[in-house]
Amino acid sequence: MSLRSILELDARLSDKMRVAEKPGALRSIAVFFAHSGDSWFWGAALILLWFFSSSFWKEWEVVEFVGISVLAVLVMGVKFLVRRKRPEGEWGGIYRQTDPHSFPSGHAARAFLIAVIGAALGPAWLGVLLWIWAPLVALARVAMGVHYVSDVVAGAVFGIIVALIGLQIYEPLFSWIANLIGFPFW
């Protein structure tokens, strides 16, 4: 099986999952989940919550925020190396204009990173909710026609790997930075 035939199969499968041009409840749900993984939303929410949280939640918020930020840089680097064009479509104009490349899906990567960190550092109920939410974000990105299935699968794997690495190094890294600048993050 050639790379071309794999990409054609990926495009056909992605097209079958698409609801972007079909009005109705399924499209509305897909729009909600497709946007729920937006980085600006998560960044703003985590910063705002940090000001009102206990140290337990501050740790989770800081690790999530920094993880999302590092992941964004890594995803954009891969996107500019691969340069796979997004599927054609009308929905998601802001994504198409600001980021014309689709591989890997930053939303899928971010959602799965958030789920891994949430499950590791948050209460069990939060981990469960985030692990239900993350695949819905990834599927919604395909359903709304801004990604192919392979984009979201690669994004999910990438987000999980970055989160697992981050969980291994965040404590000594943040302790060192906090001692260096004299500011406790949590």
Protein backbone atom coordinates (compact mmCIF):
# COMPACT_ATOMS: atom_id res chain seq x y z
CA MET A 1 0.00 0.00 0.00
CA SER A 2 1.52 3.30 -1.08
CA LEU A 3 1.51 6.58 0.84
CA ARG A 4 -0.78 8.02 -1.83
CA SER A 5 -3.39 5.27 -1.35
CA ILE A 6 -3.22 5.70 2.44
CA LEU A 7 -3.80 9.45 2.11
CA GLU A 8 -6.71 8.85 -0.29
CA LEU A 9 -8.29 6.40 2.17
CA ASP A 10 -7.75 8.94 4.96
CA ALA A 11 -9.47 11.66 2.88
CA ARG A 12 -12.44 9.39 2.04
CA LEU A 13 -12.94 8.31 5.66
CA SER A 14 -12.65 11.93 6.84
CA ASP A 15 -15.19 13.06 4.25
CA LYS A 16 -17.69 10.42 5.42
CA MET A 17 -17.42 11.77 8.97
CA ARG A 18 -18.00 15.36 7.89
CA VAL A 19 -21.10 17.25 9.10
CA ALA A 20 -19.91 20.84 8.55
CA GLU A 21 -22.35 21.48 5.70
CA LYS A 22 -25.28 19.58 7.25
CA PRO A 23 -27.50 21.74 9.50
CA GLY A 24 -28.86 20.11 12.64
CA ALA A 25 -28.09 19.03 16.16
CA LEU A 26 -25.08 16.88 15.26
CA ARG A 27 -23.43 19.83 13.52
CA SER A 28 -24.15 22.11 16.51
CA ILE A 29 -22.60 19.58 18.90
CA ALA A 30 -19.57 19.22 16.63
CA VAL A 31 -19.13 23.01 16.48
CA PHE A 32 -19.19 23.19 20.29
CA PHE A 33 -16.59 20.46 20.74
CA ALA A 34 -14.45 21.72 17.85
CA HIS A 35 -14.14 25.11 19.58
CA SER A 36 -13.87 23.75 23.13
CA GLY A 37 -10.25 22.84 22.50
CA ASP A 38 -9.22 26.35 21.41
CA SER A 39 -5.91 27.38 22.96
CA TRP A 40 -6.96 30.98 23.71
CA PHE A 41 -9.93 29.69 25.73
CA TRP A 42 -7.82 27.29 27.79
CA GLY A 43 -5.01 29.80 28.29
CA ALA A 44 -7.33 32.58 29.47
CA ALA A 45 -9.33 30.24 31.71
CA LEU A 46 -6.24 28.75 33.36
CA ILE A 47 -4.71 32.17 34.03
CA LEU A 48 -7.97 33.51 35.46
CA LEU A 49 -8.55 30.44 37.64
CA TRP A 50 -5.00 30.60 39.00
CA PHE A 51 -5.79 33.85 40.83
CA PHE A 52 -8.66 32.25 42.76
CA SER A 53 -7.37 28.72 43.37
CA SER A 54 -5.84 26.73 46.19
CA SER A 55 -2.27 25.47 45.77
CA PHE A 56 -3.63 22.05 44.67
CA TRP A 57 -5.47 23.60 41.72
CA LYS A 58 -2.70 26.14 41.01
CA GLU A 59 -0.27 23.28 40.39
CA TRP A 60 -2.69 21.71 37.91
CA GLU A 61 -3.34 25.07 36.21
CA VAL A 62 0.33 25.98 35.86
CA VAL A 63 1.34 22.57 34.52
CA GLU A 64 -1.58 22.61 32.06
CA PHE A 65 -0.78 26.17 30.92
CA VAL A 66 2.91 25.52 30.39
CA GLY A 67 2.17 22.16 28.75
CA ILE A 68 -0.27 23.78 26.34
CA SER A 69 2.26 26.51 25.53
CA VAL A 70 5.17 24.12 24.89
CA LEU A 71 2.92 21.82 22.89
CA ALA A 72 1.75 24.72 20.68
CA VAL A 73 5.34 25.50 19.70
CA LEU A 74 6.10 21.83 18.97
CA VAL A 75 2.91 21.31 16.94
CA MET A 76 3.53 24.44 14.86
CA GLY A 77 7.07 23.24 14.17
CA VAL A 78 5.81 19.90 12.88
CA LYS A 79 3.05 21.60 10.86
CA PHE A 80 5.57 23.81 9.08
CA LEU A 81 7.81 20.83 8.37
CA VAL A 82 4.99 18.64 7.00
CA ARG A 83 2.86 21.40 5.40
CA ARG A 84 -0.21 19.25 4.78
CA LYS A 85 -3.04 21.41 3.50
CA ARG A 86 -6.32 21.36 5.40
CA PRO A 87 -9.36 19.76 3.76
CA GLU A 88 -11.34 22.16 1.57
CA GLY A 89 -14.32 23.79 3.24
CA GLU A 90 -16.05 26.91 4.46
CA TRP A 91 -16.28 26.31 8.20
CA GLY A 92 -13.34 27.28 10.40
CA GLY A 93 -12.17 30.31 8.45
CA ILE A 94 -10.08 31.59 11.34
CA TYR A 95 -8.20 28.29 11.51
CA ARG A 96 -7.74 28.18 7.75
CA GLN A 97 -6.40 31.77 7.65
CA THR A 98 -4.11 31.70 10.68
CA ASP A 99 -2.93 28.09 10.28
CA PRO A 100 -3.38 26.58 6.81
CA HIS A 101 -1.66 23.32 7.78
CA SER A 102 -3.51 20.37 9.24
CA PHE A 103 -0.93 17.77 10.34
CA PRO A 104 -0.90 17.17 13.25
CA SER A 105 -4.08 18.54 14.79
CA GLY A 106 -3.18 21.05 17.49
CA HIS A 107 -6.66 20.78 19.00
CA ALA A 108 -6.41 17.00 19.32
CA ALA A 109 -2.88 17.26 20.73
CA ARG A 110 -4.00 19.90 23.23
CA ALA A 111 -7.13 17.98 24.28
CA PHE A 112 -5.20 14.78 24.97
CA LEU A 113 -2.39 16.65 26.76
CA ILE A 114 -5.02 18.29 28.97
CA ALA A 115 -6.65 14.91 29.64
CA VAL A 116 -3.36 13.20 30.57
CA ILE A 117 -2.29 16.01 32.91
CA GLY A 118 -5.80 16.31 34.35
CA ALA A 119 -5.90 12.59 35.11
CA ALA A 120 -2.42 12.66 36.65
CA LEU A 121 -2.71 15.81 38.79
CA GLY A 122 -6.42 16.38 39.27
CA PRO A 123 -9.15 14.50 41.07
CA ALA A 124 -10.46 11.30 39.48
CA TRP A 125 -13.74 12.89 38.33
CA LEU A 126 -11.80 15.51 36.36
CA GLY A 127 -9.65 12.87 34.68
CA VAL A 128 -12.75 10.92 33.63
CA LEU A 129 -14.45 14.03 32.21
CA LEU A 130 -11.35 15.09 30.29
CA TRP A 131 -10.82 11.59 28.85
CA ILE A 132 -14.41 11.66 27.56
CA TRP A 133 -13.99 15.21 26.23
CA ALA A 134 -10.64 14.76 24.42
CA PRO A 135 -11.76 12.24 21.77
CA LEU A 136 -14.91 14.32 21.18
CA VAL A 137 -12.73 17.35 20.38
CA ALA A 138 -10.65 15.27 17.97
CA LEU A 139 -13.71 13.79 16.22
CA ALA A 140 -15.35 17.22 16.01
CA ARG A 141 -12.33 18.63 14.18
CA VAL A 142 -12.78 15.96 11.48
CA ALA A 143 -16.57 16.37 11.48
CA MET A 144 -16.22 20.11 10.88
CA GLY A 145 -13.84 19.52 7.98
CA VAL A 146 -10.70 21.22 9.29
CA HIS A 147 -8.71 17.98 9.76
CA TYR A 148 -8.28 14.50 8.37
CA VAL A 149 -8.57 11.45 10.63
CA SER A 150 -4.79 10.91 10.50
CA ASP A 151 -4.26 14.52 11.68
CA VAL A 152 -6.23 13.97 14.88
CA VAL A 153 -4.75 10.52 15.54
CA ALA A 154 -1.23 11.94 15.19
CA GLY A 155 -2.21 14.94 17.31
CA ALA A 156 -3.62 12.72 20.06
CA VAL A 157 -0.48 10.57 20.18
CA PHE A 158 1.74 13.67 20.12
CA GLY A 159 -0.21 15.32 22.96
CA ILE A 160 -0.07 12.17 25.09
CA ILE A 161 3.69 11.79 24.59
CA VAL A 162 4.42 15.45 25.40
CA ALA A 163 2.20 15.24 28.51
CA LEU A 164 3.90 12.08 29.77
CA ILE A 165 7.34 13.62 29.31
CA GLY A 166 6.19 16.84 30.96
CA LEU A 167 4.84 14.97 33.97
CA GLN A 168 8.29 13.44 34.49
CA ILE A 169 10.16 16.75 34.50
CA TYR A 170 7.80 19.46 35.72
CA GLU A 171 8.46 19.21 39.49
CA PRO A 172 12.25 19.75 39.43
CA LEU A 173 11.93 22.28 36.61
CA PHE A 174 9.35 24.44 38.39
CA SER A 175 11.22 24.16 41.71
CA TRP A 176 14.40 25.39 40.02
CA ILE A 177 12.58 28.27 38.28
CA ALA A 178 10.71 29.22 41.49
CA ASN A 179 13.99 29.32 43.44
CA LEU A 180 15.68 31.30 40.68
CA ILE A 181 13.04 34.02 40.44
CA GLY A 182 11.75 33.84 44.02
CA PHE A 183 8.15 33.25 42.99
CA PRO A 184 6.19 30.13 44.01
CA PHE A 185 3.89 29.03 41.20
CA TRP A 186 1.59 27.14 43.56
